Amino acid sequence: MKRILFALLAAAAAVNLGGCVLTKVVSVPMRAAGAVISVVPVAGNTAHDVIDEAADAVDKVPI
């Protein structure tokens, strides 16, 4: 009985956190690349801002 309850609890947690984790898997590397690109003179900050806006859009996706 305890195993079934634990499995149901784990499944419920996975369903609730699934969308959040999925969007973070996509947006965190985008933000890291934007931070690296921001070091480039002249166009770095502009590229960083565009990538950051795209990562924000990915975070807002209702999965």
PDB file of N, CA and C in Angstrom:
ATOM      1  N   MET A   1       0.821  -1.193   0.000  1.00  0.00           N
ATOM      2  CA  MET A   1       0.000   0.000   0.000  1.00  0.00           C
ATOM      3  C   MET A   1       0.868   1.260   0.000  1.00  0.00           C
ATOM      4  N   LYS A   2       1.947   1.221   0.789  1.00  0.00           N
ATOM      5  CA  LYS A   2       2.830   2.387   0.858  1.00  0.00           C
ATOM      6  C   LYS A   2       3.520   2.637  -0.479  1.00  0.00           C
ATOM      7  N   ARG A   3       3.855   1.569  -1.174  1.00  0.00           N
ATOM      8  CA  ARG A   3       4.506   1.721  -2.484  1.00  0.00           C
ATOM      9  C   ARG A   3       3.567   2.379  -3.490  1.00  0.00           C
ATOM     10  N   ILE A   4       2.314   1.987  -3.460  1.00  0.00           N
ATOM     11  CA  ILE A   4       1.340   2.568  -4.381  1.00  0.00           C
ATOM     12  C   ILE A   4       1.141   4.048  -4.068  1.00  0.00           C
ATOM     13  N   LEU A   5       1.029   4.372  -2.786  1.00  0.00           N
ATOM     14  CA  LEU A   5       0.863   5.762  -2.381  1.00  0.00           C
ATOM     15  C   LEU A   5       2.079   6.593  -2.781  1.00  0.00           C
ATOM     16  N   PHE A   6       3.262   6.042  -2.567  1.00  0.00           N
ATOM     17  CA  PHE A   6       4.492   6.741  -2.953  1.00  0.00           C
ATOM     18  C   PHE A   6       4.559   6.941  -4.464  1.00  0.00           C
ATOM     19  N   ALA A   7       4.174   5.927  -5.229  1.00  0.00           N
ATOM     20  CA  ALA A   7       4.189   6.038  -6.688  1.00  0.00           C
ATOM     21  C   ALA A   7       3.192   7.092  -7.166  1.00  0.00           C
ATOM     22  N   LEU A   8       2.016   7.132  -6.571  1.00  0.00           N
ATOM     23  CA  LEU A   8       1.031   8.149  -6.941  1.00  0.00           C
ATOM     24  C   LEU A   8       1.509   9.550  -6.580  1.00  0.00           C
ATOM     25  N   LEU A   9       2.133   9.686  -5.423  1.00  0.00           N
ATOM     26  CA  LEU A   9       2.664  10.980  -5.005  1.00  0.00           C
ATOM     27  C   LEU A   9       3.790  11.433  -5.928  1.00  0.00           C
ATOM     28  N   ALA A  10       4.665  10.517  -6.298  1.00  0.00           N
ATOM     29  CA  ALA A  10       5.763  10.844  -7.215  1.00  0.00           C
ATOM     30  C   ALA A  10       5.225  11.220  -8.591  1.00  0.00           C
ATOM     31  N   ALA A  11       4.214  10.516  -9.058  1.00  0.00           N
ATOM     32  CA  ALA A  11       3.620  10.834 -10.358  1.00  0.00           C
ATOM     33  C   ALA A  11       2.943  12.201 -10.333  1.00  0.00           C
ATOM     34  N   ALA A  12       2.255  12.509  -9.248  1.00  0.00           N
ATOM     35  CA  ALA A  12       1.604  13.819  -9.130  1.00  0.00           C
ATOM     36  C   ALA A  12       2.635  14.941  -9.100  1.00  0.00           C
ATOM     37  N   ALA A  13       3.732  14.725  -8.396  1.00  0.00           N
ATOM     38  CA  ALA A  13       4.796  15.734  -8.352  1.00  0.00           C
ATOM     39  C   ALA A  13       5.428  15.916  -9.724  1.00  0.00           C
ATOM     40  N   ALA A  14       5.627  14.832 -10.438  1.00  0.00           N
ATOM     41  CA  ALA A  14       6.225  14.916 -11.775  1.00  0.00           C
ATOM     42  C   ALA A  14       5.315  15.665 -12.739  1.00  0.00           C
ATOM     43  N   VAL A  15       4.029  15.448 -12.632  1.00  0.00           N
ATOM     44  CA  VAL A  15       3.085  16.146 -13.510  1.00  0.00           C
ATOM     45  C   VAL A  15       3.070  17.638 -13.195  1.00  0.00           C
ATOM     46  N   ASN A  16       3.086  17.985 -11.913  1.00  0.00           N
ATOM     47  CA  ASN A  16       3.054  19.396 -11.526  1.00  0.00           C
ATOM     48  C   ASN A  16       4.334  20.122 -11.889  1.00  0.00           C
ATOM     49  N   LEU A  17       5.460  19.462 -11.777  1.00  0.00           N
ATOM     50  CA  LEU A  17       6.741  20.106 -12.042  1.00  0.00           C
ATOM     51  C   LEU A  17       7.215  19.910 -13.470  1.00  0.00           C
ATOM     52  N   GLY A  18       6.568  19.079 -14.239  1.00  0.00           N
ATOM     53  CA  GLY A  18       7.014  18.746 -15.590  1.00  0.00           C
ATOM     54  C   GLY A  18       7.167  19.944 -16.500  1.00  0.00           C
ATOM     55  N   GLY A  19       6.182  20.804 -16.558  1.00  0.00           N
ATOM     56  CA  GLY A  19       6.254  21.966 -17.431  1.00  0.00           C
ATOM     57  C   GLY A  19       7.318  22.951 -17.004  1.00  0.00           C
ATOM     58  N   CYS A  20       7.408  23.176 -15.714  1.00  0.00           N
ATOM     59  CA  CYS A  20       8.390  24.123 -15.195  1.00  0.00           C
ATOM     60  C   CYS A  20       9.801  23.646 -15.502  1.00  0.00           C
ATOM     61  N   VAL A  21      10.074  22.393 -15.269  1.00  0.00           N
ATOM     62  CA  VAL A  21      11.405  21.846 -15.519  1.00  0.00           C
ATOM     63  C   VAL A  21      11.712  21.860 -17.008  1.00  0.00           C
ATOM     64  N   LEU A  22      10.732  21.539 -17.833  1.00  0.00           N
ATOM     65  CA  LEU A  22      10.950  21.509 -19.277  1.00  0.00           C
ATOM     66  C   LEU A  22      11.315  22.887 -19.816  1.00  0.00           C
ATOM     67  N   THR A  23      10.612  23.917 -19.375  1.00  0.00           N
ATOM     68  CA  THR A  23      10.941  25.259 -19.863  1.00  0.00           C
ATOM     69  C   THR A  23      12.288  25.718 -19.341  1.00  0.00           C
ATOM     70  N   LYS A  24      12.651  25.320 -18.143  1.00  0.00           N
ATOM     71  CA  LYS A  24      13.963  25.704 -17.600  1.00  0.00           C
ATOM     72  C   LYS A  24      15.086  24.996 -18.346  1.00  0.00           C
ATOM     73  N   VAL A  25      14.850  23.771 -18.773  1.00  0.00           N
ATOM     74  CA  VAL A  25      15.870  23.042 -19.541  1.00  0.00           C
ATOM     75  C   VAL A  25      16.176  23.783 -20.836  1.00  0.00           C
ATOM     76  N   VAL A  26      15.183  24.442 -21.398  1.00  0.00           N
ATOM     77  CA  VAL A  26      15.381  25.189 -22.636  1.00  0.00           C
ATOM     78  C   VAL A  26      15.926  26.585 -22.366  1.00  0.00           C
ATOM     79  N   SER A  27      15.380  27.274 -21.362  1.00  0.00           N
ATOM     80  CA  SER A  27      15.727  28.686 -21.180  1.00  0.00           C
ATOM     81  C   SER A  27      17.061  28.920 -20.481  1.00  0.00           C
ATOM     82  N   VAL A  28      17.492  28.032 -19.615  1.00  0.00           N
ATOM     83  CA  VAL A  28      18.763  28.249 -18.905  1.00  0.00           C
ATOM     84  C   VAL A  28      19.960  28.252 -19.863  1.00  0.00           C
ATOM     85  N   PRO A  29      20.079  27.302 -20.795  1.00  0.00           N
ATOM     86  CA  PRO A  29      21.193  27.403 -21.750  1.00  0.00           C
ATOM     87  C   PRO A  29      21.114  28.656 -22.622  1.00  0.00           C
ATOM     88  N   MET A  30      19.889  29.098 -22.943  1.00  0.00           N
ATOM     89  CA  MET A  30      19.750  30.333 -23.718  1.00  0.00           C
ATOM     90  C   MET A  30      20.297  31.515 -22.931  1.00  0.00           C
ATOM     91  N   ARG A  31      19.967  31.579 -21.646  1.00  0.00           N
ATOM     92  CA  ARG A  31      20.453  32.683 -20.811  1.00  0.00           C
ATOM     93  C   ARG A  31      21.969  32.616 -20.634  1.00  0.00           C
ATOM     94  N   ALA A  32      22.507  31.416 -20.506  1.00  0.00           N
ATOM     95  CA  ALA A  32      23.966  31.273 -20.375  1.00  0.00           C
ATOM     96  C   ALA A  32      24.668  31.729 -21.651  1.00  0.00           C
ATOM     97  N   ALA A  33      24.130  31.358 -22.795  1.00  0.00           N
ATOM     98  CA  ALA A  33      24.723  31.800 -24.063  1.00  0.00           C
ATOM     99  C   ALA A  33      24.617  33.310 -24.200  1.00  0.00           C
ATOM    100  N   GLY A  34      23.517  33.887 -23.773  1.00  0.00           N
ATOM    101  CA  GLY A  34      23.360  35.338 -23.814  1.00  0.00           C
ATOM    102  C   GLY A  34      24.364  36.044 -22.931  1.00  0.00           C
ATOM    103  N   ALA A  35      24.665  35.455 -21.776  1.00  0.00           N
ATOM    104  CA  ALA A  35      25.660  36.051 -20.882  1.00  0.00           C
ATOM    105  C   ALA A  35      27.048  36.010 -21.506  1.00  0.00           C
ATOM    106  N   VAL A  36      27.359  34.920 -22.181  1.00  0.00           N
ATOM    107  CA  VAL A  36      28.667  34.810 -22.841  1.00  0.00           C
ATOM    108  C   VAL A  36      28.754  35.791 -24.006  1.00  0.00           C
ATOM    109  N   ILE A  37      27.687  35.901 -24.771  1.00  0.00           N
ATOM    110  CA  ILE A  37      27.678  36.796 -25.932  1.00  0.00           C
ATOM    111  C   ILE A  37      27.747  38.261 -25.506  1.00  0.00           C
ATOM    112  N   SER A  38      27.238  38.585 -24.319  1.00  0.00           N
ATOM    113  CA  SER A  38      27.223  39.984 -23.885  1.00  0.00           C
ATOM    114  C   SER A  38      28.618  40.555 -23.696  1.00  0.00           C
ATOM    115  N   VAL A  39      29.635  39.714 -23.642  1.00  0.00           N
ATOM    116  CA  VAL A  39      31.015  40.170 -23.486  1.00  0.00           C
ATOM    117  C   VAL A  39      31.548  40.755 -24.792  1.00  0.00           C
ATOM    118  N   VAL A  40      30.989  40.346 -25.919  1.00  0.00           N
ATOM    119  CA  VAL A  40      31.448  40.809 -27.230  1.00  0.00           C
ATOM    120  C   VAL A  40      31.200  42.316 -27.347  1.00  0.00           C
ATOM    121  N   PRO A  41      32.231  43.076 -27.719  1.00  0.00           N
ATOM    122  CA  PRO A  41      32.031  44.527 -27.853  1.00  0.00           C
ATOM    123  C   PRO A  41      31.037  44.864 -28.970  1.00  0.00           C
ATOM    124  N   VAL A  42      30.414  45.978 -28.874  1.00  0.00           N
ATOM    125  CA  VAL A  42      29.479  46.577 -29.823  1.00  0.00           C
ATOM    126  C   VAL A  42      28.131  45.846 -29.853  1.00  0.00           C
ATOM    127  N   ALA A  43      28.067  44.632 -30.357  1.00  0.00           N
ATOM    128  CA  ALA A  43      26.782  43.947 -30.544  1.00  0.00           C
ATOM    129  C   ALA A  43      26.420  43.018 -29.398  1.00  0.00           C
ATOM    130  N   GLY A  44      27.292  42.857 -28.425  1.00  0.00           N
ATOM    131  CA  GLY A  44      27.057  41.883 -27.361  1.00  0.00           C
ATOM    132  C   GLY A  44      25.818  42.155 -26.536  1.00  0.00           C
ATOM    133  N   ASN A  45      25.645  43.394 -26.088  1.00  0.00           N
ATOM    134  CA  ASN A  45      24.487  43.706 -25.247  1.00  0.00           C
ATOM    135  C   ASN A  45      23.180  43.599 -26.013  1.00  0.00           C
ATOM    136  N   THR A  46      23.185  43.984 -27.261  1.00  0.00           N
ATOM    137  CA  THR A  46      21.975  43.869 -28.078  1.00  0.00           C
ATOM    138  C   THR A  46      21.584  42.405 -28.254  1.00  0.00           C
ATOM    139  N   ALA A  47      22.555  41.570 -28.559  1.00  0.00           N
ATOM    140  CA  ALA A  47      22.281  40.136 -28.718  1.00  0.00           C
ATOM    141  C   ALA A  47      21.815  39.534 -27.403  1.00  0.00           C
ATOM    142  N   HIS A  48      22.424  39.946 -26.293  1.00  0.00           N
ATOM    143  CA  HIS A  48      22.025  39.441 -24.981  1.00  0.00           C
ATOM    144  C   HIS A  48      20.573  39.802 -24.687  1.00  0.00           C
ATOM    145  N   ASP A  49      20.183  41.027 -24.991  1.00  0.00           N
ATOM    146  CA  ASP A  49      18.804  41.451 -24.741  1.00  0.00           C
ATOM    147  C   ASP A  49      17.803  40.641 -25.560  1.00  0.00           C
ATOM    148  N   VAL A  50      18.136  40.370 -26.807  1.00  0.00           N
ATOM    149  CA  VAL A  50      17.243  39.587 -27.669  1.00  0.00           C
ATOM    150  C   VAL A  50      17.116  38.156 -27.155  1.00  0.00           C
ATOM    151  N   ILE A  51      18.232  37.559 -26.783  1.00  0.00           N
ATOM    152  CA  ILE A  51      18.207  36.184 -26.267  1.00  0.00           C
ATOM    153  C   ILE A  51      17.453  36.131 -24.946  1.00  0.00           C
ATOM    154  N   ASP A  52      17.627  37.143 -24.100  1.00  0.00           N
ATOM    155  CA  ASP A  52      16.938  37.184 -22.814  1.00  0.00           C
ATOM    156  C   ASP A  52      15.426  37.313 -23.008  1.00  0.00           C
ATOM    157  N   GLU A  53      15.000  38.110 -23.970  1.00  0.00           N
ATOM    158  CA  GLU A  53      13.567  38.223 -24.269  1.00  0.00           C
ATOM    159  C   GLU A  53      13.010  36.894 -24.779  1.00  0.00           C
ATOM    160  N   ALA A  54      13.778  36.200 -25.602  1.00  0.00           N
ATOM    161  CA  ALA A  54      13.334  34.894 -26.101  1.00  0.00           C
ATOM    162  C   ALA A  54      13.233  33.883 -24.961  1.00  0.00           C
ATOM    163  N   ALA A  55      14.189  33.917 -24.036  1.00  0.00           N
ATOM    164  CA  ALA A  55      14.145  33.009 -22.885  1.00  0.00           C
ATOM    165  C   ALA A  55      12.950  33.331 -21.992  1.00  0.00           C
ATOM    166  N   ASP A  56      12.629  34.608 -21.833  1.00  0.00           N
ATOM    167  CA  ASP A  56      11.433  34.980 -21.071  1.00  0.00           C
ATOM    168  C   ASP A  56      10.172  34.438 -21.733  1.00  0.00           C
ATOM    169  N   ALA A  57      10.126  34.492 -23.054  1.00  0.00           N
ATOM    170  CA  ALA A  57       8.968  33.958 -23.777  1.00  0.00           C
ATOM    171  C   ALA A  57       8.844  32.449 -23.574  1.00  0.00           C
ATOM    172  N   VAL A  58       9.972  31.754 -23.564  1.00  0.00           N
ATOM    173  CA  VAL A  58       9.951  30.304 -23.332  1.00  0.00           C
ATOM    174  C   VAL A  58       9.464  30.009 -21.921  1.00  0.00           C
ATOM    175  N   ASP A  59       9.892  30.812 -20.939  1.00  0.00           N
ATOM    176  CA  ASP A  59       9.454  30.598 -19.559  1.00  0.00           C
ATOM    177  C   ASP A  59       7.950  30.795 -19.396  1.00  0.00           C
ATOM    178  N   LYS A  60       7.354  31.635 -20.220  1.00  0.00           N
ATOM    179  CA  LYS A  60       5.924  31.924 -20.103  1.00  0.00           C
ATOM    180  C   LYS A  60       5.041  30.897 -20.807  1.00  0.00           C
ATOM    181  N   VAL A  61       5.631  29.963 -21.532  1.00  0.00           N
ATOM    182  CA  VAL A  61       4.853  28.946 -22.248  1.00  0.00           C
ATOM    183  C   VAL A  61       4.097  28.086 -21.234  1.00  0.00           C
ATOM    184  N   PRO A  62       2.782  28.007 -21.356  1.00  0.00           N
ATOM    185  CA  PRO A  62       1.997  27.223 -20.392  1.00  0.00           C
ATOM    186  C   PRO A  62       1.991  25.733 -20.728  1.00  0.00           C
ATOM    187  N   ILE A  63       2.963  25.026 -20.219  1.00  0.00           N
ATOM    188  CA  ILE A  63       3.043  23.579 -20.465  1.00  0.00           C
ATOM    189  C   ILE A  63       2.533  22.861 -19.240  1.00  0.00           C
TER     190      ILE A  63
END
